Amino acid sequence: MISGSIDSSVEVDTYTFEALAGDKISLNVSSPDSFNLFPQVMVYDSDGNLLESSSEPTEVDIQLSIETRTTNSYTTTRRNPQW
């Protein structure tokens, strides 16, 4: 499990991890009521191709699940989009 926090509306957090082909990855991002965060979560492969993205401007909790196709490095980025 990787844990982090976004402390401002313009912060971007990026995490890179290794996964085997067929691994199931679950990403959960939630915002406390006191922070005006509507998170956007993106997952990229090692070539920088966007594999999955999740963002709804009215959602404060995001759950994103993917199954990896290849054994590789993957990167997830979390940010608060500027609507």
C-alpha atoms as a PDB file:
ATOM      1  CA  MET A   1       0.000   0.000   0.000  1.00  0.00           C
ATOM      2  CA  ILE A   2       1.187   3.482  -0.886  1.00  0.00           C
ATOM      3  CA  SER A   3      -0.230   6.415   1.001  1.00  0.00           C
ATOM      4  CA  GLY A   4       0.151  10.138   0.415  1.00  0.00           C
ATOM      5  CA  SER A   5      -1.638  13.436   0.637  1.00  0.00           C
ATOM      6  CA  ILE A   6      -2.370  16.415  -1.570  1.00  0.00           C
ATOM      7  CA  ASP A   7      -1.992  19.520   0.536  1.00  0.00           C
ATOM      8  CA  SER A   8      -2.967  22.193  -1.972  1.00  0.00           C
ATOM      9  CA  SER A   9      -5.259  22.520  -4.954  1.00  0.00           C
ATOM     10  CA  VAL A  10      -2.326  22.802  -7.384  1.00  0.00           C
ATOM     11  CA  GLU A  11      -0.230  19.896  -6.076  1.00  0.00           C
ATOM     12  CA  VAL A  12       0.418  16.842  -8.258  1.00  0.00           C
ATOM     13  CA  ASP A  13       1.497  13.553  -6.659  1.00  0.00           C
ATOM     14  CA  THR A  14       3.159  10.868  -8.776  1.00  0.00           C
ATOM     15  CA  TYR A  15       3.942   7.300  -7.736  1.00  0.00           C
ATOM     16  CA  THR A  16       5.731   4.623  -9.781  1.00  0.00           C
ATOM     17  CA  PHE A  17       5.360   0.916  -9.062  1.00  0.00           C
ATOM     18  CA  GLU A  18       6.226  -2.448 -10.616  1.00  0.00           C
ATOM     19  CA  ALA A  19       3.481  -4.875 -11.574  1.00  0.00           C
ATOM     20  CA  LEU A  20       3.330  -8.296 -13.197  1.00  0.00           C
ATOM     21  CA  ALA A  21       1.115  -9.099 -16.159  1.00  0.00           C
ATOM     22  CA  GLY A  22      -2.366  -9.823 -14.824  1.00  0.00           C
ATOM     23  CA  ASP A  23      -1.903  -7.985 -11.516  1.00  0.00           C
ATOM     24  CA  LYS A  24      -5.008  -6.188 -10.306  1.00  0.00           C
ATOM     25  CA  ILE A  25      -4.313  -2.668  -9.123  1.00  0.00           C
ATOM     26  CA  SER A  26      -6.795  -0.695  -7.051  1.00  0.00           C
ATOM     27  CA  LEU A  27      -6.411   3.041  -6.490  1.00  0.00           C
ATOM     28  CA  ASN A  28      -8.528   4.890  -3.947  1.00  0.00           C
ATOM     29  CA  VAL A  29      -8.443   8.639  -3.426  1.00  0.00           C
ATOM     30  CA  SER A  30     -10.686  10.464  -1.008  1.00  0.00           C
ATOM     31  CA  SER A  31     -11.010  14.032   0.130  1.00  0.00           C
ATOM     32  CA  PRO A  32     -11.843  15.186   3.645  1.00  0.00           C
ATOM     33  CA  ASP A  33     -14.908  17.402   3.870  1.00  0.00           C
ATOM     34  CA  SER A  34     -12.772  20.345   4.939  1.00  0.00           C
ATOM     35  CA  PHE A  35     -10.682  20.336   1.742  1.00  0.00           C
ATOM     36  CA  ASN A  36     -12.110  21.350  -1.618  1.00  0.00           C
ATOM     37  CA  LEU A  37     -10.527  18.514  -3.629  1.00  0.00           C
ATOM     38  CA  PHE A  38     -12.100  16.783  -6.592  1.00  0.00           C
ATOM     39  CA  PRO A  39      -9.294  14.345  -7.423  1.00  0.00           C
ATOM     40  CA  GLN A  40      -8.271  13.182 -10.861  1.00  0.00           C
ATOM     41  CA  VAL A  41      -6.372   9.889 -11.043  1.00  0.00           C
ATOM     42  CA  MET A  42      -4.437   8.702 -14.079  1.00  0.00           C
ATOM     43  CA  VAL A  43      -2.408   5.519 -14.726  1.00  0.00           C
ATOM     44  CA  TYR A  44       0.372   5.369 -17.331  1.00  0.00           C
ATOM     45  CA  ASP A  45       2.565   2.550 -18.628  1.00  0.00           C
ATOM     46  CA  SER A  46       6.364   2.867 -18.791  1.00  0.00           C
ATOM     47  CA  ASP A  47       6.131   4.442 -22.281  1.00  0.00           C
ATOM     48  CA  GLY A  48       3.907   7.218 -20.956  1.00  0.00           C
ATOM     49  CA  ASN A  49       0.712   5.897 -22.553  1.00  0.00           C
ATOM     50  CA  LEU A  50      -2.426   6.733 -20.572  1.00  0.00           C
ATOM     51  CA  LEU A  51      -4.066   3.431 -19.594  1.00  0.00           C
ATOM     52  CA  GLU A  52      -6.901   4.648 -17.378  1.00  0.00           C
ATOM     53  CA  SER A  53      -8.254   7.904 -16.054  1.00  0.00           C
ATOM     54  CA  SER A  54     -10.968   8.718 -13.578  1.00  0.00           C
ATOM     55  CA  SER A  55     -12.367  12.102 -12.776  1.00  0.00           C
ATOM     56  CA  GLU A  56     -15.776  13.541 -12.092  1.00  0.00           C
ATOM     57  CA  PRO A  57     -15.821  17.201 -11.035  1.00  0.00           C
ATOM     58  CA  THR A  58     -18.429  16.518  -8.350  1.00  0.00           C
ATOM     59  CA  GLU A  59     -16.856  13.401  -6.837  1.00  0.00           C
ATOM     60  CA  VAL A  60     -14.641  13.678  -3.757  1.00  0.00           C
ATOM     61  CA  ASP A  61     -13.917   9.938  -3.591  1.00  0.00           C
ATOM     62  CA  ILE A  62     -12.407   8.097  -6.567  1.00  0.00           C
ATOM     63  CA  GLN A  63     -11.898   4.351  -6.956  1.00  0.00           C
ATOM     64  CA  LEU A  64     -10.064   3.105 -10.010  1.00  0.00           C
ATOM     65  CA  SER A  65      -9.168  -0.514 -10.767  1.00  0.00           C
ATOM     66  CA  ILE A  66      -7.097  -1.888 -13.625  1.00  0.00           C
ATOM     67  CA  GLU A  67      -5.584  -5.214 -14.583  1.00  0.00           C
ATOM     68  CA  THR A  68      -2.064  -4.882 -15.970  1.00  0.00           C
ATOM     69  CA  ARG A  69      -1.417  -6.384 -19.402  1.00  0.00           C
ATOM     70  CA  THR A  70       2.357  -6.709 -19.160  1.00  0.00           C
ATOM     71  CA  THR A  71       5.065  -6.979 -16.527  1.00  0.00           C
ATOM     72  CA  ASN A  72       6.291  -3.417 -16.393  1.00  0.00           C
ATOM     73  CA  SER A  73       6.658  -0.174 -14.457  1.00  0.00           C
ATOM     74  CA  TYR A  74       3.486   1.868 -14.064  1.00  0.00           C
ATOM     75  CA  THR A  75       2.959   5.421 -12.869  1.00  0.00           C
ATOM     76  CA  THR A  76      -0.095   6.901 -11.222  1.00  0.00           C
ATOM     77  CA  THR A  77      -0.676  10.623 -10.960  1.00  0.00           C
ATOM     78  CA  ARG A  78      -3.158  12.283  -8.634  1.00  0.00           C
ATOM     79  CA  ARG A  79      -4.097  15.922  -8.876  1.00  0.00           C
ATOM     80  CA  ASN A  80      -6.889  18.378  -8.316  1.00  0.00           C
ATOM     81  CA  PRO A  81      -7.916  19.601 -11.774  1.00  0.00           C
ATOM     82  CA  GLN A  82      -8.556  23.298 -12.182  1.00  0.00           C
ATOM     83  CA  TRP A  83     -12.168  23.328 -13.338  1.00  0.00           C
END
